[in-house]
């Protein structure tokens, strides 16, 4: 199972390198984020970071790693995850200051006293106006292993979404 996930990640990264010329000179966008994943019997609170990879004008692939704690009936447990999420941008040319995107992907979640579990993920992402430093806030809601609520900051050039 881990070989399959490793191969999928390698294909995503190789594809990103192959289409960089189509991305109109945009570069990788670092990101930091805080997320809550609320499920029936556990709530995960995680901090993470990663990168957004441009795939042409309308798409981004996000690679995010996060770690934190799960709140369960017995107390707290350590947890972590690796997300690979593709997003389709509805305003790729920044005609408005707030940009909406929708996406889907895979999440590998690890918990103490459990094995790694894969989840399908769907998200709606709202990215705010970019500051002079290139920082832009983002909010995300979705499903995948529970209801996902997240907030983050991305660093990208002012003209890019």
N, C-alpha and C. Protein backbone atom coordinates (compact mmCIF):
# COMPACT_ATOMS: atom_id res chain seq x y z
N UNK A 1 0.83 -1.19 0.00
CA UNK A 1 0.00 0.00 0.00
C UNK A 1 0.87 1.26 0.00
N UNK A 2 1.94 1.26 0.82
CA UNK A 2 2.81 2.43 0.88
C UNK A 2 3.53 2.64 -0.44
N UNK A 3 3.85 1.57 -1.17
CA UNK A 3 4.49 1.73 -2.48
C UNK A 3 3.56 2.45 -3.45
N UNK A 4 2.27 2.11 -3.39
CA UNK A 4 1.30 2.76 -4.27
C UNK A 4 1.24 4.26 -3.98
N UNK A 5 1.21 4.64 -2.70
CA UNK A 5 1.16 6.06 -2.35
C UNK A 5 2.45 6.76 -2.74
N UNK A 6 3.58 6.10 -2.56
CA UNK A 6 4.86 6.68 -2.96
C UNK A 6 4.92 6.89 -4.46
N UNK A 7 4.42 5.94 -5.22
CA UNK A 7 4.40 6.06 -6.68
C UNK A 7 3.48 7.19 -7.11
N UNK A 8 2.32 7.33 -6.46
CA UNK A 8 1.39 8.41 -6.80
C UNK A 8 2.02 9.77 -6.53
N UNK A 9 2.71 9.90 -5.40
CA UNK A 9 3.38 11.15 -5.07
C UNK A 9 4.48 11.45 -6.07
N UNK A 10 5.25 10.45 -6.48
CA UNK A 10 6.32 10.64 -7.47
C UNK A 10 5.74 11.10 -8.80
N UNK A 11 4.60 10.54 -9.21
CA UNK A 11 3.96 10.96 -10.46
C UNK A 11 3.50 12.41 -10.39
N UNK A 12 2.94 12.81 -9.26
CA UNK A 12 2.50 14.20 -9.10
C UNK A 12 3.68 15.15 -9.22
N UNK A 13 4.77 14.83 -8.53
CA UNK A 13 5.95 15.71 -8.58
C UNK A 13 6.58 15.74 -9.97
N UNK A 14 6.63 14.60 -10.65
CA UNK A 14 7.19 14.57 -12.01
C UNK A 14 6.31 15.35 -12.96
N UNK A 15 5.00 15.24 -12.81
CA UNK A 15 4.08 16.00 -13.66
C UNK A 15 4.20 17.49 -13.43
N UNK A 16 4.43 17.88 -12.18
CA UNK A 16 4.60 19.30 -11.88
C UNK A 16 5.81 19.87 -12.60
N UNK A 17 6.89 19.13 -12.62
CA UNK A 17 8.09 19.60 -13.30
C UNK A 17 7.86 19.69 -14.81
N UNK A 18 7.10 18.75 -15.36
CA UNK A 18 6.88 18.72 -16.80
C UNK A 18 6.02 19.87 -17.30
N UNK A 19 5.09 20.36 -16.49
CA UNK A 19 4.21 21.42 -16.96
C UNK A 19 4.55 22.79 -16.41
N UNK A 20 5.67 22.94 -15.77
CA UNK A 20 6.05 24.25 -15.22
C UNK A 20 6.09 25.32 -16.30
N UNK A 21 6.46 24.98 -17.52
CA UNK A 21 6.52 25.97 -18.59
C UNK A 21 5.12 26.49 -18.91
N UNK A 22 4.10 25.71 -18.69
CA UNK A 22 2.73 26.14 -18.95
C UNK A 22 2.18 27.03 -17.85
N UNK A 23 2.85 27.13 -16.76
CA UNK A 23 2.33 27.83 -15.59
C UNK A 23 2.66 29.31 -15.62
N UNK A 24 2.97 29.87 -16.77
CA UNK A 24 3.21 31.29 -16.97
C UNK A 24 4.24 31.86 -16.01
N UNK A 25 5.28 31.10 -15.72
CA UNK A 25 6.35 31.60 -14.88
C UNK A 25 6.05 31.57 -13.39
N UNK A 26 4.92 31.04 -12.98
CA UNK A 26 4.60 30.98 -11.56
C UNK A 26 5.49 29.96 -10.87
N UNK A 27 5.77 30.23 -9.61
CA UNK A 27 6.65 29.36 -8.84
C UNK A 27 5.86 28.62 -7.77
N UNK A 28 6.54 27.72 -7.10
CA UNK A 28 5.94 27.02 -5.98
C UNK A 28 5.55 28.02 -4.91
N UNK A 29 4.43 27.79 -4.26
CA UNK A 29 3.93 28.69 -3.22
C UNK A 29 3.95 27.97 -1.87
N UNK A 30 4.88 28.34 -0.98
CA UNK A 30 4.88 27.73 0.36
C UNK A 30 3.60 28.08 1.12
N UNK A 31 3.22 27.22 2.04
CA UNK A 31 1.99 27.41 2.80
C UNK A 31 2.17 26.85 4.20
N UNK A 32 1.60 27.54 5.20
CA UNK A 32 1.47 27.01 6.56
C UNK A 32 0.00 27.04 6.90
N UNK A 33 -0.43 26.09 7.74
CA UNK A 33 -1.87 26.02 8.03
C UNK A 33 -2.18 25.35 9.37
N UNK A 34 -3.37 25.63 9.88
CA UNK A 34 -3.94 24.98 11.06
C UNK A 34 -5.25 24.35 10.63
N UNK A 35 -5.47 23.09 11.03
CA UNK A 35 -6.67 22.37 10.60
C UNK A 35 -7.32 21.64 11.76
N UNK A 36 -8.63 21.50 11.66
CA UNK A 36 -9.41 20.64 12.55
C UNK A 36 -10.17 19.67 11.66
N UNK A 37 -10.12 18.39 12.02
CA UNK A 37 -10.87 17.37 11.30
C UNK A 37 -11.77 16.71 12.33
N UNK A 38 -13.07 16.96 12.19
CA UNK A 38 -14.05 16.53 13.18
C UNK A 38 -14.79 15.31 12.66
N UNK A 39 -14.64 14.17 13.37
CA UNK A 39 -15.33 12.93 13.03
C UNK A 39 -16.21 12.53 14.21
N UNK A 40 -16.93 11.46 14.05
CA UNK A 40 -17.91 11.04 15.06
C UNK A 40 -17.29 10.84 16.45
N UNK A 41 -16.15 10.16 16.54
CA UNK A 41 -15.59 9.81 17.85
C UNK A 41 -14.20 10.40 18.10
N UNK A 42 -13.77 11.32 17.21
CA UNK A 42 -12.44 11.91 17.40
C UNK A 42 -12.38 13.22 16.66
N UNK A 43 -11.65 14.16 17.23
CA UNK A 43 -11.37 15.44 16.59
C UNK A 43 -9.86 15.61 16.51
N UNK A 44 -9.37 15.84 15.31
CA UNK A 44 -7.93 16.05 15.10
C UNK A 44 -7.65 17.55 15.00
N UNK A 45 -6.66 18.01 15.73
CA UNK A 45 -6.18 19.38 15.65
C UNK A 45 -4.73 19.30 15.21
N UNK A 46 -4.42 19.88 14.02
CA UNK A 46 -3.09 19.71 13.45
C UNK A 46 -2.55 21.00 12.86
N UNK A 47 -1.25 21.17 12.96
CA UNK A 47 -0.53 22.28 12.32
C UNK A 47 0.35 21.66 11.23
N UNK A 48 0.48 22.36 10.11
CA UNK A 48 1.25 21.78 9.03
C UNK A 48 1.80 22.80 8.07
N UNK A 49 2.44 22.29 7.07
CA UNK A 49 3.02 23.13 6.04
C UNK A 49 3.20 22.33 4.78
N UNK A 50 3.41 23.06 3.70
CA UNK A 50 3.59 22.38 2.43
C UNK A 50 3.81 23.37 1.32
N UNK A 51 3.39 22.96 0.14
CA UNK A 51 3.63 23.76 -1.05
C UNK A 51 2.47 23.59 -2.03
N UNK A 52 2.15 24.67 -2.73
CA UNK A 52 1.17 24.65 -3.82
C UNK A 52 1.96 24.67 -5.13
N UNK A 53 1.71 23.71 -6.01
CA UNK A 53 2.43 23.59 -7.28
C UNK A 53 1.49 24.01 -8.41
N UNK A 54 1.85 25.04 -9.19
CA UNK A 54 0.99 25.44 -10.31
C UNK A 54 0.98 24.41 -11.43
N UNK A 55 -0.19 24.12 -11.96
CA UNK A 55 -0.40 23.23 -13.10
C UNK A 55 -1.18 24.02 -14.14
N UNK A 56 -0.53 24.89 -14.87
CA UNK A 56 -1.23 25.74 -15.82
C UNK A 56 -1.91 26.89 -15.10
N UNK A 57 -2.81 27.57 -15.79
CA UNK A 57 -3.47 28.73 -15.20
C UNK A 57 -4.53 28.35 -14.18
N UNK A 58 -5.25 27.27 -14.41
CA UNK A 58 -6.45 26.98 -13.65
C UNK A 58 -6.30 25.95 -12.53
N UNK A 59 -5.15 25.34 -12.37
CA UNK A 59 -5.03 24.25 -11.40
C UNK A 59 -3.81 24.39 -10.52
N UNK A 60 -3.92 23.89 -9.30
CA UNK A 60 -2.83 23.82 -8.34
C UNK A 60 -2.88 22.45 -7.68
N UNK A 61 -1.71 21.89 -7.42
CA UNK A 61 -1.62 20.66 -6.64
C UNK A 61 -0.99 21.04 -5.31
N UNK A 62 -1.67 20.74 -4.23
CA UNK A 62 -1.15 21.03 -2.90
C UNK A 62 -0.60 19.79 -2.24
N UNK A 63 0.63 19.88 -1.73
CA UNK A 63 1.25 18.82 -0.94
C UNK A 63 1.40 19.37 0.48
N UNK A 64 0.69 18.79 1.43
CA UNK A 64 0.68 19.29 2.80
C UNK A 64 1.00 18.16 3.77
N UNK A 65 1.90 18.42 4.68
CA UNK A 65 2.17 17.51 5.79
C UNK A 65 1.78 18.20 7.08
N UNK A 66 1.16 17.47 8.00
CA UNK A 66 0.71 18.08 9.26
C UNK A 66 0.81 17.08 10.40
N UNK A 67 0.94 17.60 11.60
CA UNK A 67 1.00 16.76 12.79
C UNK A 67 0.27 17.48 13.92
N UNK A 68 -0.23 16.69 14.85
CA UNK A 68 -0.94 17.28 15.98
C UNK A 68 -1.46 16.23 16.92
N UNK A 69 -2.65 16.48 17.41
CA UNK A 69 -3.23 15.58 18.41
C UNK A 69 -4.68 15.28 18.07
N UNK A 70 -5.11 14.09 18.44
CA UNK A 70 -6.51 13.69 18.31
C UNK A 70 -7.13 13.69 19.70
N UNK A 71 -8.29 14.27 19.82
CA UNK A 71 -9.03 14.25 21.07
C UNK A 71 -10.05 13.12 20.97
N UNK A 72 -9.90 12.12 21.84
CA UNK A 72 -10.78 10.95 21.84
C UNK A 72 -11.33 10.76 23.25
N UNK A 73 -12.27 9.83 23.42
CA UNK A 73 -12.90 9.59 24.72
C UNK A 73 -11.86 9.22 25.79
N UNK A 74 -10.81 8.50 25.39
CA UNK A 74 -9.79 8.05 26.35
C UNK A 74 -8.75 9.12 26.65
N UNK A 75 -8.79 10.25 25.99
CA UNK A 75 -7.80 11.31 26.19
C UNK A 75 -7.31 11.87 24.87
N UNK A 76 -5.98 11.95 24.73
CA UNK A 76 -5.37 12.50 23.52
C UNK A 76 -4.39 11.50 22.92
N UNK A 77 -4.29 11.52 21.59
CA UNK A 77 -3.36 10.66 20.88
C UNK A 77 -2.64 11.49 19.82
N UNK A 78 -1.39 11.16 19.53
CA UNK A 78 -0.65 11.84 18.47
C UNK A 78 -1.20 11.42 17.11
N UNK A 79 -1.18 12.34 16.16
CA UNK A 79 -1.65 12.03 14.80
C UNK A 79 -0.90 12.88 13.79
N UNK A 80 -0.98 12.46 12.56
CA UNK A 80 -0.37 13.21 11.46
C UNK A 80 -1.01 12.82 10.15
N UNK A 81 -0.68 13.60 9.10
CA UNK A 81 -1.25 13.29 7.81
C UNK A 81 -0.39 13.86 6.68
N UNK A 82 -0.58 13.30 5.49
CA UNK A 82 -0.01 13.81 4.26
C UNK A 82 -1.16 13.93 3.28
N UNK A 83 -1.41 15.15 2.78
CA UNK A 83 -2.48 15.41 1.82
C UNK A 83 -1.90 15.74 0.46
N UNK A 84 -2.51 15.21 -0.59
CA UNK A 84 -2.24 15.60 -1.97
C UNK A 84 -3.59 15.98 -2.55
N UNK A 85 -3.79 17.30 -2.77
CA UNK A 85 -5.09 17.81 -3.20
C UNK A 85 -4.92 18.68 -4.44
N UNK A 86 -5.66 18.36 -5.48
CA UNK A 86 -5.70 19.19 -6.68
C UNK A 86 -6.85 20.18 -6.56
N UNK A 87 -6.56 21.46 -6.88
CA UNK A 87 -7.60 22.50 -6.81
C UNK A 87 -7.80 23.13 -8.18
N UNK A 88 -9.04 23.40 -8.56
CA UNK A 88 -9.40 24.13 -9.77
C UNK A 88 -9.77 25.55 -9.36
N UNK A 89 -9.05 26.54 -9.89
CA UNK A 89 -9.26 27.94 -9.54
C UNK A 89 -10.36 28.55 -10.40
N UNK A 90 -11.34 29.18 -9.78
CA UNK A 90 -12.43 29.80 -10.51
C UNK A 90 -12.10 31.22 -10.96
N UNK A 91 -11.04 31.82 -10.41
CA UNK A 91 -10.58 33.16 -10.82
C UNK A 91 -9.04 33.16 -10.89
N UNK A 92 -8.47 32.49 -11.89
CA UNK A 92 -7.01 32.34 -11.92
C UNK A 92 -6.25 33.63 -12.22
N UNK A 93 -6.92 34.64 -12.75
CA UNK A 93 -6.24 35.88 -13.14
C UNK A 93 -6.46 37.02 -12.14
N UNK A 94 -6.97 36.68 -10.96
CA UNK A 94 -7.15 37.64 -9.86
C UNK A 94 -7.97 38.86 -10.28
N UNK A 95 -9.10 38.64 -10.88
CA UNK A 95 -9.99 39.73 -11.23
C UNK A 95 -10.77 40.23 -10.02
N UNK A 96 -10.82 39.42 -8.98
CA UNK A 96 -11.40 39.84 -7.70
C UNK A 96 -10.34 39.60 -6.62
N UNK A 97 -10.47 40.28 -5.50
CA UNK A 97 -9.45 40.12 -4.46
C UNK A 97 -9.59 38.80 -3.70
N UNK A 98 -10.78 38.22 -3.66
CA UNK A 98 -10.99 36.93 -3.00
C UNK A 98 -11.17 35.87 -4.08
N UNK A 99 -10.40 34.79 -4.01
CA UNK A 99 -10.47 33.74 -5.03
C UNK A 99 -11.01 32.44 -4.48
N UNK A 100 -11.95 31.87 -5.21
CA UNK A 100 -12.58 30.61 -4.82
C UNK A 100 -12.01 29.48 -5.66
N UNK A 101 -11.78 28.33 -5.04
CA UNK A 101 -11.36 27.14 -5.76
C UNK A 101 -12.03 25.92 -5.14
N UNK A 102 -12.14 24.87 -5.94
CA UNK A 102 -12.69 23.59 -5.47
C UNK A 102 -11.66 22.51 -5.78
N UNK A 103 -11.62 21.49 -4.95
CA UNK A 103 -10.60 20.48 -5.17
C UNK A 103 -10.95 19.12 -4.60
N UNK A 104 -10.09 18.17 -4.95
CA UNK A 104 -10.23 16.80 -4.46
C UNK A 104 -8.86 16.16 -4.44
N UNK A 105 -8.72 15.13 -3.62
CA UNK A 105 -7.44 14.44 -3.56
C UNK A 105 -7.46 13.31 -2.56
N UNK A 106 -6.27 13.01 -2.04
CA UNK A 106 -6.08 11.90 -1.12
C UNK A 106 -5.40 12.38 0.15
N UNK A 107 -5.73 11.74 1.25
CA UNK A 107 -5.10 12.04 2.53
C UNK A 107 -4.68 10.74 3.18
N UNK A 108 -3.43 10.67 3.61
CA UNK A 108 -2.94 9.54 4.39
C UNK A 108 -2.87 9.99 5.83
N UNK A 109 -3.65 9.36 6.72
CA UNK A 109 -3.68 9.77 8.12
C UNK A 109 -3.09 8.67 8.98
N UNK A 110 -2.20 9.09 9.88
CA UNK A 110 -1.56 8.17 10.82
C UNK A 110 -1.94 8.58 12.23
N UNK A 111 -2.23 7.59 13.05
CA UNK A 111 -2.57 7.84 14.46
C UNK A 111 -1.79 6.88 15.33
N UNK A 112 -1.45 7.32 16.53
CA UNK A 112 -0.79 6.38 17.44
C UNK A 112 -1.77 5.25 17.75
N UNK A 113 -1.25 4.08 17.95
CA UNK A 113 -2.04 2.86 18.21
C UNK A 113 -2.97 2.48 17.07
N UNK A 114 -2.63 2.88 15.84
CA UNK A 114 -3.43 2.54 14.66
C UNK A 114 -2.50 2.52 13.46
N UNK A 115 -2.94 1.99 12.34
CA UNK A 115 -2.12 2.00 11.14
C UNK A 115 -2.53 3.17 10.23
N UNK A 116 -1.76 3.43 9.21
CA UNK A 116 -2.03 4.53 8.28
C UNK A 116 -3.28 4.20 7.48
N UNK A 117 -4.17 5.19 7.37
CA UNK A 117 -5.42 4.99 6.64
C UNK A 117 -5.55 6.05 5.54
N UNK A 118 -5.96 5.63 4.33
CA UNK A 118 -6.18 6.59 3.25
C UNK A 118 -7.63 7.09 3.27
N UNK A 119 -7.81 8.34 2.88
CA UNK A 119 -9.15 8.94 2.76
C UNK A 119 -9.22 9.74 1.47
N UNK A 120 -10.37 9.72 0.82
CA UNK A 120 -10.63 10.65 -0.27
C UNK A 120 -11.01 11.98 0.35
N UNK A 121 -10.59 13.08 -0.27
CA UNK A 121 -10.81 14.42 0.27
C UNK A 121 -11.45 15.30 -0.79
N UNK A 122 -12.44 16.09 -0.41
CA UNK A 122 -12.96 17.16 -1.27
C UNK A 122 -12.93 18.45 -0.45
N UNK A 123 -12.57 19.56 -1.10
CA UNK A 123 -12.44 20.83 -0.40
C UNK A 123 -12.99 21.98 -1.23
N UNK A 124 -13.37 23.04 -0.52
CA UNK A 124 -13.66 24.35 -1.10
C UNK A 124 -12.70 25.31 -0.40
N UNK A 125 -11.97 26.09 -1.18
CA UNK A 125 -10.91 26.94 -0.66
C UNK A 125 -11.18 28.39 -1.04
N UNK A 126 -11.05 29.30 -0.08
CA UNK A 126 -11.22 30.73 -0.33
C UNK A 126 -9.91 31.42 0.04
N UNK A 127 -9.26 32.03 -0.96
CA UNK A 127 -7.99 32.72 -0.73
C UNK A 127 -8.21 34.22 -0.76
N UNK A 128 -7.69 34.90 0.25
CA UNK A 128 -7.91 36.34 0.41
C UNK A 128 -6.93 37.20 -0.35
N UNK A 129 -7.06 38.51 -0.19
CA UNK A 129 -6.18 39.45 -0.88
C UNK A 129 -4.72 39.27 -0.44
N UNK A 130 -3.84 39.45 -1.38
CA UNK A 130 -2.41 39.30 -1.14
C UNK A 130 -1.83 40.61 -0.62
N UNK A 131 -1.02 40.54 0.42
CA UNK A 131 -0.35 41.71 0.97
C UNK A 131 0.92 42.02 0.19
N UNK A 132 1.57 43.08 0.56
CA UNK A 132 2.81 43.49 -0.13
C UNK A 132 3.90 42.44 -0.03
N UNK A 133 3.92 41.70 1.05
CA UNK A 133 4.95 40.67 1.24
C UNK A 133 4.67 39.40 0.43
N UNK A 134 3.51 39.34 -0.24
CA UNK A 134 3.14 38.14 -0.98
C UNK A 134 2.34 37.15 -0.17
N UNK A 135 2.02 37.51 1.09
CA UNK A 135 1.24 36.62 1.95
C UNK A 135 -0.25 36.81 1.68
N UNK A 136 -0.98 35.68 1.62
CA UNK A 136 -2.42 35.71 1.44
C UNK A 136 -3.05 34.71 2.39
N UNK A 137 -4.11 35.12 3.11
CA UNK A 137 -4.80 34.17 3.98
C UNK A 137 -5.67 33.23 3.15
N UNK A 138 -5.92 32.04 3.67
CA UNK A 138 -6.82 31.11 3.00
C UNK A 138 -7.67 30.39 4.05
N UNK A 139 -8.90 30.11 3.67
CA UNK A 139 -9.82 29.34 4.49
C UNK A 139 -10.26 28.13 3.68
N UNK A 140 -10.43 27.01 4.35
CA UNK A 140 -10.78 25.79 3.64
C UNK A 140 -11.80 25.00 4.44
N UNK A 141 -12.82 24.48 3.75
CA UNK A 141 -13.78 23.54 4.34
C UNK A 141 -13.85 22.34 3.41
N UNK A 142 -14.12 21.17 3.99
CA UNK A 142 -14.21 19.99 3.16
C UNK A 142 -14.58 18.76 3.96
N UNK A 143 -14.51 17.63 3.29
CA UNK A 143 -14.74 16.33 3.93
C UNK A 143 -13.63 15.38 3.51
N UNK A 144 -13.32 14.46 4.40
CA UNK A 144 -12.29 13.45 4.15
C UNK A 144 -11.78 12.95 5.48
N UNK A 145 -12.32 11.85 5.97
CA UNK A 145 -11.98 11.37 7.31
C UNK A 145 -12.73 12.14 8.38
N UNK A 146 -13.70 12.91 7.98
CA UNK A 146 -14.47 13.79 8.85
C UNK A 146 -14.65 15.14 8.18
N UNK A 147 -15.29 16.05 8.88
CA UNK A 147 -15.45 17.40 8.37
C UNK A 147 -14.17 18.17 8.60
N UNK A 148 -13.64 18.81 7.56
CA UNK A 148 -12.36 19.54 7.64
C UNK A 148 -12.61 21.03 7.66
N UNK A 149 -11.97 21.70 8.60
CA UNK A 149 -12.00 23.15 8.71
C UNK A 149 -10.56 23.61 8.86
N UNK A 150 -10.12 24.54 8.02
CA UNK A 150 -8.73 24.95 8.09
C UNK A 150 -8.52 26.40 7.73
N UNK A 151 -7.39 26.93 8.20
CA UNK A 151 -6.98 28.30 7.88
C UNK A 151 -5.48 28.26 7.64
N UNK A 152 -5.02 29.08 6.69
CA UNK A 152 -3.61 29.07 6.37
C UNK A 152 -3.14 30.38 5.79
N UNK A 153 -1.85 30.42 5.50
CA UNK A 153 -1.23 31.57 4.84
C UNK A 153 -0.34 31.01 3.74
N UNK A 154 -0.46 31.61 2.53
CA UNK A 154 0.37 31.22 1.39
C UNK A 154 1.25 32.40 0.98
N UNK A 155 2.44 32.09 0.46
CA UNK A 155 3.36 33.12 -0.05
C UNK A 155 3.54 32.90 -1.54
N UNK A 156 3.04 33.81 -2.36
CA UNK A 156 3.19 33.72 -3.81
C UNK A 156 3.34 35.12 -4.39
N UNK A 157 3.80 35.23 -5.64
CA UNK A 157 3.88 36.55 -6.27
C UNK A 157 2.52 37.24 -6.32
N UNK A 158 2.51 38.54 -6.29
CA UNK A 158 1.26 39.31 -6.23
C UNK A 158 0.31 39.01 -7.38
N UNK A 159 0.81 38.76 -8.59
CA UNK A 159 -0.06 38.55 -9.74
C UNK A 159 -0.65 37.13 -9.77
N UNK A 160 -0.09 36.18 -9.06
CA UNK A 160 -0.56 34.80 -9.09
C UNK A 160 -1.70 34.59 -8.11
N UNK A 161 -2.51 33.58 -8.36
CA UNK A 161 -3.59 33.21 -7.43
C UNK A 161 -3.10 32.06 -6.61
